[in-house]
Protein backbone atom coordinates (compact mmCIF):
# COMPACT_ATOMS: atom_id res chain seq x y z
CA MET A 1 94.96 83.80 44.55
CA LYS A 2 92.82 81.98 46.82
CA VAL A 3 91.44 79.00 45.71
CA ALA A 4 88.64 76.39 47.12
CA TYR A 5 89.08 72.82 47.05
CA ALA A 6 85.92 70.71 47.25
CA HIS A 7 86.07 66.95 48.07
CA ASP A 8 84.15 64.37 50.81
CA HIS A 9 87.92 63.28 52.07
CA VAL A 10 87.63 63.28 56.06
CA MET A 11 90.61 65.48 57.76
CA HIS A 12 90.97 64.49 61.12
CA HIS A 13 92.36 67.23 63.39
CA TYR A 14 94.23 67.15 67.03
CA HIS A 15 95.28 70.32 68.74
CA HIS A 16 95.10 72.35 65.77
CA HIS A 17 96.97 70.30 63.47
CA TYR A 18 95.11 67.88 60.66
CA TYR A 19 95.90 64.84 59.70
CA SER A 20 94.72 62.33 56.79
CA ASN A 21 94.78 58.66 56.04
CA GLY A 22 96.99 59.18 53.28
CA SER A 23 95.14 60.81 50.35
CA PHE A 24 95.54 64.18 51.25
CA SER A 25 99.06 64.53 53.20
CA LYS A 26 101.30 67.63 53.28
CA MET A 27 103.11 66.59 50.52
CA VAL A 28 100.29 65.94 48.40
CA LEU A 29 98.28 69.52 49.53
CA GLN A 30 101.87 71.28 48.26
CA ARG A 31 100.87 70.66 44.93
CA TYR A 32 98.49 73.18 44.95
CA THR A 33 100.42 75.70 47.63
CA THR A 34 103.37 76.22 44.56
CA ILE A 35 100.85 77.42 42.47
CA PHE A 36 98.19 79.32 44.76
CA ARG A 37 98.82 81.68 47.30
CA GLU A 38 95.74 80.16 49.66
CA VAL A 39 94.02 77.01 49.25
CA ARG A 40 90.56 76.63 51.72
CA PHE A 41 90.25 72.58 51.70
CA LEU A 42 86.33 72.24 51.63
CA SER A 43 85.99 68.83 53.42
CA ARG A 44 84.36 66.45 56.66
CA GLN A 45 86.50 66.88 59.75
CA LYS A 46 86.50 64.67 62.67
CA ALA A 47 88.07 65.42 65.99
CA LEU A 48 91.04 63.22 67.54
CA GLU A 49 90.78 62.24 71.10
CA GLU A 50 95.01 61.39 70.97
CA MET A 51 97.55 62.16 68.47
CA PRO A 52 97.61 59.66 65.30
CA THR A 53 99.96 57.26 64.79
CA ASN A 54 98.54 55.91 61.65
CA MET A 55 97.78 58.76 59.99
CA SER A 56 99.87 61.47 57.74
CA LEU A 57 100.34 65.07 58.50
CA ALA A 58 98.36 67.09 56.37
CA SER A 59 98.67 70.76 58.02
CA THR A 60 100.75 72.90 56.03
CA GLU A 61 101.30 76.39 55.61
CA GLY A 62 99.21 78.10 52.96
CA VAL A 63 95.84 75.73 53.37
CA VAL A 64 93.13 76.56 55.83
CA PHE A 65 90.91 73.69 56.58
CA VAL A 66 87.12 74.25 56.42
CA GLY A 67 84.74 71.63 57.72
CA VAL A 68 81.67 70.40 56.13
CA PRO A 69 79.14 68.50 57.55
CA ASN A 70 78.53 65.10 56.28
CA PHE A 71 74.93 65.34 54.15
CA ARG A 72 75.49 61.90 51.98
CA SER A 73 73.29 59.72 54.07
CA LEU A 74 69.66 59.42 54.92
CA LYS A 75 70.40 60.22 58.61
CA LYS A 76 72.48 63.36 58.06
CA LEU A 77 70.56 64.74 55.53
CA HIS A 78 69.12 67.38 57.73
CA THR A 79 72.80 69.01 57.50
CA ILE A 80 72.37 69.70 53.99
CA HIS A 81 71.22 73.30 54.36
CA GLN A 82 74.09 74.09 56.95
CA ALA A 83 76.62 72.54 54.40
CA SER A 84 75.15 74.54 51.34
CA LYS A 85 75.83 77.80 53.44
CA ILE A 86 78.88 77.05 53.98
CA VAL A 87 80.20 75.88 50.52
CA GLU A 88 78.34 78.83 48.88
CA ARG A 89 80.20 81.43 51.32
CA GLU A 90 83.27 80.01 50.80
CA ILE A 91 82.88 79.73 46.80
CA ALA A 92 81.83 83.32 46.44
CA ASP A 93 84.94 84.06 48.47
CA CYS A 94 87.55 82.30 46.64
CA ASP A 95 89.00 83.42 42.87
CA CYS A 96 88.59 79.88 41.59
CA LEU A 97 87.88 76.30 42.30
CA ILE A 98 89.28 72.67 42.52
CA ALA A 99 86.48 70.14 42.35
CA ARG A 100 87.47 66.44 42.77
CA LEU A 101 84.91 64.18 41.72
CA PRO A 102 82.85 62.34 42.51
CA SER A 103 82.12 63.75 45.90
CA SER A 104 79.09 65.30 47.26
CA ILE A 105 81.08 68.35 48.56
CA GLY A 106 82.89 68.45 44.92
CA LYS A 107 79.62 68.72 43.13
CA MET A 108 77.70 71.02 45.84
CA ALA A 109 81.21 73.41 44.99
CA VAL A 110 80.63 73.35 41.22
CA LYS A 111 77.21 73.82 41.50
CA TYR A 112 78.22 77.45 43.24
CA ALA A 113 80.86 78.25 41.51
CA LYS A 114 78.70 78.25 38.37
CA HIS A 115 75.98 80.01 39.95
CA HIS A 116 78.86 82.68 41.07
CA LYS A 117 80.36 82.68 37.51
CA LYS A 118 83.92 81.67 39.29
CA PRO A 119 86.37 79.44 36.93
CA TYR A 120 86.52 75.83 37.95
CA LEU A 121 89.19 72.84 37.37
CA ILE A 122 87.86 69.20 37.76
CA GLU A 123 89.90 66.61 38.87
CA VAL A 124 88.05 63.11 37.65
CA VAL A 125 89.28 60.01 40.56
CA GLY A 126 86.26 57.74 39.99
CA CYS A 127 83.06 56.65 38.33
CA ALA A 128 80.05 57.80 40.20
CA TRP A 129 77.73 54.96 38.55
CA ASP A 130 80.22 51.99 39.29
CA ALA A 131 80.83 53.48 43.25
CA ASN A 132 77.19 53.80 43.75
CA MET A 133 75.85 50.66 42.33
CA ASN A 134 78.66 48.47 43.75
CA HIS A 135 78.58 50.23 47.09
CA GLY A 136 76.44 47.68 49.06
CA SER A 137 73.70 49.70 49.68
CA VAL A 138 70.09 50.34 48.24
CA LEU A 139 70.19 53.69 48.43
CA GLY A 140 73.20 53.63 46.40
CA LYS A 141 71.82 52.02 43.28
CA ILE A 142 68.75 54.48 43.57
CA ILE A 143 71.02 57.68 43.01
CA ALA A 144 73.60 55.83 40.60
CA PRO A 145 72.40 57.08 37.43
CA TYR A 146 71.17 60.93 38.74
CA GLU A 147 74.61 60.85 40.10
CA ALA A 148 76.48 59.77 36.83
CA MET A 149 74.63 61.95 34.67
CA THR A 150 74.97 64.85 36.89
CA TYR A 151 78.95 64.18 36.93
CA LYS A 152 79.01 63.56 33.17
CA CYS A 153 77.05 67.20 32.63
CA TYR A 154 79.71 68.77 34.96
CA ILE A 155 82.89 67.30 33.53
CA ALA A 156 81.44 68.21 30.04
CA GLN A 157 81.57 71.66 30.72
CA SER A 158 84.67 72.18 32.46
CA ASN A 159 87.47 73.81 31.04
CA TYR A 160 90.12 72.00 32.55
CA THR A 161 89.89 68.43 33.50
CA ILE A 162 92.43 66.15 35.30
CA TYR A 163 91.89 62.46 34.70
CA ILE A 164 93.68 59.70 36.60
CA THR A 165 93.04 57.00 34.00
CA LYS A 166 94.41 56.92 30.63
CA LYS A 167 91.00 56.01 28.72
CA PHE A 168 88.35 54.50 31.09
CA LEU A 169 87.55 57.51 32.86
CA GLN A 170 87.84 60.02 29.69
CA SER A 171 85.43 57.42 27.98
CA ARG A 172 82.61 57.60 31.09
CA TYR A 173 82.97 61.49 31.67
CA PRO A 174 84.45 62.91 28.62
CA SER A 175 84.88 66.86 29.04
CA LYS A 176 84.98 69.25 26.11
CA GLY A 177 88.00 71.09 27.32
CA LYS A 178 91.24 71.33 27.61
CA SER A 179 92.42 67.69 29.78
CA VAL A 180 95.18 66.32 30.74
CA ILE A 181 96.11 62.52 32.34
CA CYS A 182 97.87 62.69 36.01
CA PRO A 183 97.55 59.16 38.17
CA ASN A 184 96.85 59.76 41.82
CA VAL A 185 99.92 58.13 42.77
CA VAL A 186 103.07 59.62 44.55
CA ILE A 187 106.09 57.30 43.72
CA ASP A 188 109.08 58.38 44.34
CA TRP A 189 112.47 56.65 42.21
CA VAL A 190 112.67 52.90 43.00
CA GLU A 191 116.41 51.32 42.93
CA THR A 192 116.58 48.15 41.42
CA GLU A 193 117.93 46.61 44.19
CA THR A 194 113.60 46.35 45.47
CA LEU A 195 113.54 44.33 42.15
CA LYS A 196 116.50 42.15 42.94
CA ARG A 197 115.16 41.68 46.72
CA ARG A 198 112.00 40.46 45.15
CA LYS A 199 113.36 37.96 42.90
CA GLU A 200 115.40 36.58 46.15
CA LYS A 201 112.02 36.48 47.88
CA ILE A 202 109.87 34.43 45.45
CA TYR A 203 112.72 31.62 45.20
CA GLY A 204 113.57 31.90 48.48
CA GLN A 205 112.06 29.44 51.26
CA LYS A 206 108.40 30.03 52.19
CA ASN A 207 106.91 29.11 55.55
CA ASN A 208 104.00 31.38 55.31
CA LEU A 209 102.66 32.80 52.23
CA LYS A 210 101.35 36.06 52.43
CA PHE A 211 98.24 38.01 50.66
CA GLY A 212 97.28 41.33 50.90
CA LEU A 213 94.35 44.05 49.99
CA ILE A 214 93.80 47.54 50.33
CA GLY A 215 90.71 48.91 50.93
CA SER A 216 87.62 50.24 53.03
CA LEU A 217 86.14 47.51 55.28
CA ASN A 218 82.96 49.41 54.72
CA VAL A 219 82.12 49.01 51.50
CA ASP A 220 81.33 45.88 49.44
CA TYR A 221 83.07 46.84 46.36
CA LYS A 222 87.26 46.27 46.99
CA GLY A 223 87.00 42.82 46.90
CA HIS A 224 87.25 41.23 50.49
CA GLU A 225 84.59 38.76 50.13
CA THR A 226 86.39 37.32 47.16
CA VAL A 227 89.35 37.04 48.89
CA ILE A 228 87.87 35.47 51.81
CA ARG A 229 85.98 32.77 49.68
CA ALA A 230 88.89 31.91 47.15
CA LEU A 231 91.52 31.39 49.89
CA GLY A 232 88.61 29.52 52.16
CA LEU A 233 88.40 27.54 48.91
CA ILE A 234 91.95 26.07 48.45
CA LYS A 235 93.53 26.80 52.12
CA GLU A 236 94.47 22.69 52.36
CA GLU A 237 95.95 22.64 48.61
CA ILE A 238 98.38 25.65 49.25
CA PRO A 239 101.13 26.46 52.28
CA GLU A 240 100.51 28.00 55.11
CA PHE A 241 99.35 31.62 54.53
CA THR A 242 98.02 35.03 56.17
CA ILE A 243 95.87 37.61 54.38
CA GLU A 244 96.49 40.89 55.40
CA PHE A 245 93.49 43.64 55.01
CA VAL A 246 94.79 47.29 55.06
CA GLY A 247 92.03 49.71 55.56
CA LYS A 248 89.70 51.37 58.16
CA GLY A 249 86.47 50.55 59.03
CA ASP A 250 84.37 47.74 60.67
CA VAL A 251 85.89 44.53 61.56
CA SER A 252 82.95 42.67 62.53
CA ARG A 253 81.15 42.91 59.15
CA TRP A 254 83.56 40.36 57.93
CA GLU A 255 83.92 38.28 61.12
CA SER A 256 80.69 35.67 59.94
CA LEU A 257 82.43 34.96 56.43
CA ILE A 258 85.93 34.52 57.99
CA LYS A 259 84.39 31.71 60.19
CA ALA A 260 82.25 30.34 57.71
CA CYS A 261 85.49 29.82 55.36
CA SER A 262 87.33 28.77 58.50
CA LEU A 263 89.80 31.58 58.17
CA GLU A 264 89.92 32.63 61.92
CA ASP A 265 93.88 31.95 61.99
CA HIS A 266 94.56 33.13 58.41
CA VAL A 267 93.37 36.73 58.67
CA THR A 268 94.67 39.80 59.87
CA PHE A 269 93.17 43.31 59.81
CA MET A 270 96.02 45.92 59.72
CA GLY A 271 94.12 49.36 60.08
CA THR A 272 95.38 52.09 57.99
CA LEU A 273 98.81 52.64 57.05
CA PRO A 274 100.62 56.15 56.68
CA SER A 275 101.16 56.58 52.85
CA GLY A 276 104.35 56.28 51.37
CA LYS A 277 107.23 54.26 53.27
CA ASP A 278 105.15 52.30 55.32
CA VAL A 279 102.89 51.17 52.71
CA PHE A 280 105.68 50.20 50.73
CA ALA A 281 107.35 48.26 53.38
CA TRP A 282 103.80 46.51 53.68
CA MET A 283 103.95 45.37 50.36
CA ASP A 284 107.26 44.45 50.53
CA THR A 285 106.55 41.57 52.63
CA LEU A 286 103.38 40.61 50.39
CA ASP A 287 104.08 37.57 47.87
CA ILE A 288 100.92 38.37 46.15
CA ALA A 289 98.98 41.83 46.21
CA LEU A 290 95.17 40.89 45.81
CA GLN A 291 92.35 43.70 44.47
CA PRO A 292 89.60 42.05 42.87
CA SER A 293 87.41 44.83 43.01
CA THR A 294 84.02 45.09 41.50
CA ALA A 295 84.52 48.60 40.77
CA GLU A 296 87.96 50.43 40.89
CA ALA A 297 88.48 53.88 38.72
CA GLN A 298 92.48 53.10 38.33
CA GLY A 299 93.90 51.14 41.58
CA ARG A 300 95.99 53.36 43.31
CA CYS A 301 97.16 50.96 45.47
CA ILE A 302 97.54 48.21 42.39
CA ILE A 303 100.75 50.60 41.14
CA GLU A 304 102.38 51.21 44.20
CA ALA A 305 102.35 46.87 44.42
CA MET A 306 103.66 47.12 40.99
CA SER A 307 106.43 49.85 41.73
CA ARG A 308 107.69 47.14 44.73
CA GLY A 309 107.84 44.50 41.83
CA CYS A 310 105.07 42.59 43.53
CA PRO A 311 102.70 40.39 41.39
CA VAL A 312 99.28 41.59 41.30
CA ILE A 313 95.97 39.57 40.69
CA ALA A 314 92.95 41.93 40.45
CA SER A 315 89.84 42.13 38.73
CA LYS A 316 89.12 43.43 34.84
CA VAL A 317 87.28 46.62 35.57
CA GLY A 318 87.60 50.05 35.53
CA GLY A 319 91.31 51.48 35.00
CA ILE A 320 92.97 48.04 36.25
CA ARG A 321 92.91 47.04 32.74
CA GLU A 322 95.45 49.39 31.99
CA LEU A 323 97.41 48.19 34.77
CA ILE A 324 97.70 44.48 34.59
CA ASP A 325 98.21 41.57 31.77
CA ASP A 326 94.73 39.77 30.96
CA PRO A 327 96.29 36.45 32.40
CA TRP A 328 96.03 37.88 36.03
CA LEU A 329 92.58 39.37 35.89
CA ILE A 330 89.62 37.89 36.83
CA SER A 331 85.48 38.84 36.14
CA PRO A 332 84.25 40.74 38.97
CA LYS A 333 83.37 38.46 42.26
CA ASP A 334 84.60 35.26 40.67
CA TYR A 335 86.47 33.78 43.84
CA ARG A 336 87.04 30.40 42.00
CA ASP A 337 89.12 32.07 39.18
CA LEU A 338 90.58 33.80 41.73
CA ALA A 339 91.56 30.91 43.57
CA THR A 340 92.70 29.06 40.57
CA LYS A 341 95.00 32.01 39.68
CA ILE A 342 96.60 31.95 43.04
CA LYS A 343 97.13 28.30 43.01
CA HIS A 344 98.91 28.76 39.40
CA LEU A 345 101.12 31.80 40.55
CA ILE A 346 102.26 30.19 43.90
CA SER A 347 103.53 27.12 42.07
CA ASP A 348 105.56 28.81 38.81
CA LYS A 349 108.21 30.83 40.36
CA GLU A 350 109.11 31.56 36.64
CA ALA A 351 105.65 33.20 36.12
CA MET A 352 105.69 34.89 39.36
CA LEU A 353 109.07 36.42 38.68
CA HIS A 354 107.80 37.41 35.04
CA GLN A 355 105.18 39.41 36.77
CA ALA A 356 107.46 40.96 38.94
CA MET A 357 109.42 42.30 36.48
CA ILE A 358 106.66 44.05 34.13
CA ASN A 359 105.25 45.27 36.66
CA PHE A 360 108.38 46.88 38.21
CA GLN A 361 108.94 48.22 34.66
CA SER A 362 105.82 49.61 34.14
CA ALA A 363 105.17 51.23 37.34
CA LYS A 364 108.38 53.53 35.92
CA GLN A 365 105.41 55.28 34.15
CA TYR A 366 103.59 56.57 37.22
CA TYR A 367 106.98 58.19 38.58
CA LYS A 368 106.46 61.57 40.93
CA PRO A 369 108.67 63.44 38.84
CA ARG A 370 107.08 63.09 35.38
CA ILE A 371 103.44 63.21 36.91
CA GLU A 372 103.67 66.67 38.76
CA LYS A 373 105.51 68.06 36.14
CA VAL A 374 102.54 67.36 33.83
CA ARG A 375 100.26 68.47 36.84
CA HIS A 376 102.24 71.73 37.50
CA ARG A 377 102.12 72.90 34.16
CA PHE A 378 98.32 72.31 33.71
CA LEU A 379 97.53 74.17 37.47
CA HIS A 380 99.68 76.95 36.22
CA GLU A 381 97.88 77.23 32.42
CA PHE A 382 94.35 77.29 34.91
CA LYS A 383 95.97 79.90 37.20
CA THR A 384 97.09 81.85 34.29
CA SER A 385 93.26 81.57 32.53
CA VAL A 386 91.46 82.30 35.93
CA ARG A 387 93.59 85.71 35.90
CA GLN A 388 92.82 86.60 32.61
CA ASN A 389 89.29 86.31 33.30
CA GLN A 390 89.07 88.18 36.26
CA HIS A 391 91.09 91.08 33.65
CA GLU A 392 88.50 90.76 31.32
CA LEU A 393 85.68 91.15 34.10
CA LYS A 394 86.88 94.29 35.33
CA ALA A 395 87.49 95.80 31.85
CA LEU A 396 83.90 95.21 31.56
């Protein structure tokens, strides 16, 4: 059985091999190749001039990568006709569709699946309203109501839906069909030795505190500004520290704010890190993970930090409220409260250890074997329904 998988993800290719910044590694794509004979991965693509060292290999047997032009911006809107032809051709030639929403390619694919009467499954991984309203562009705010309404209609009509949150996305985008909860994380079993090392780190001598945040530098909603302003406010009141930002994007857009807060010697831009052990190793070096996003469907990097026993301070938005205790949550953009909580946490080792232990234990519910078992069973059920649908059509 051939399935089309549609999302706005950018696949990078070099010498006939494809690479991902982590979201769709070979291991992730094998979730689908164990169920379907062929996966046609519809996404944006970008050619590389040299082999990447900070991305995960995505190429794997059974997956064909299909490039779709980026038509989302006004400058590239002229490519929408070409994109439509590619997406419709692929949907018409496949047995079914899996669309990850919100995404422009995913939305287009669902439209053609409905048109060609192809069964589809939707993976709901974000809130279209929050993402567009907090993107930082005027266009985002203009299209937010339409995007949210469109996704709400598509998801409501979906017979099979996977949500990454326990309650948040379900309340925003309810489905009338069958649904399951499969958080979009890949966490293998973590030894208790990790928590022991965290305890030693908390009570050890601190020569330089390290704070970290993961998120694209090209958007406003990941909380970079809140972190910079908060630490700029208390830089003279806490020990020496470093802020490390992990994520791709334009570094220059943050330089003026960093300079205004006199943090030039405190901020390091790490670029992207391969998912898995590289990210976890980096998280083990942090004293506190900061994620004061203004929009966050789930907070994958928060769950990953929790699994390392890392204390986390985040914002009370979206699915984050399902992860972190209220004392360590702030209102979006409230950098003064973030500053207060940072000071409180680094001065109270017992509180830091308590949160580390709670986070470590809570992360166990997101371990890979449990989640993948649920996902595999649901995907197999979807495949069975597709086959039954095909038999019924042939019988007519």
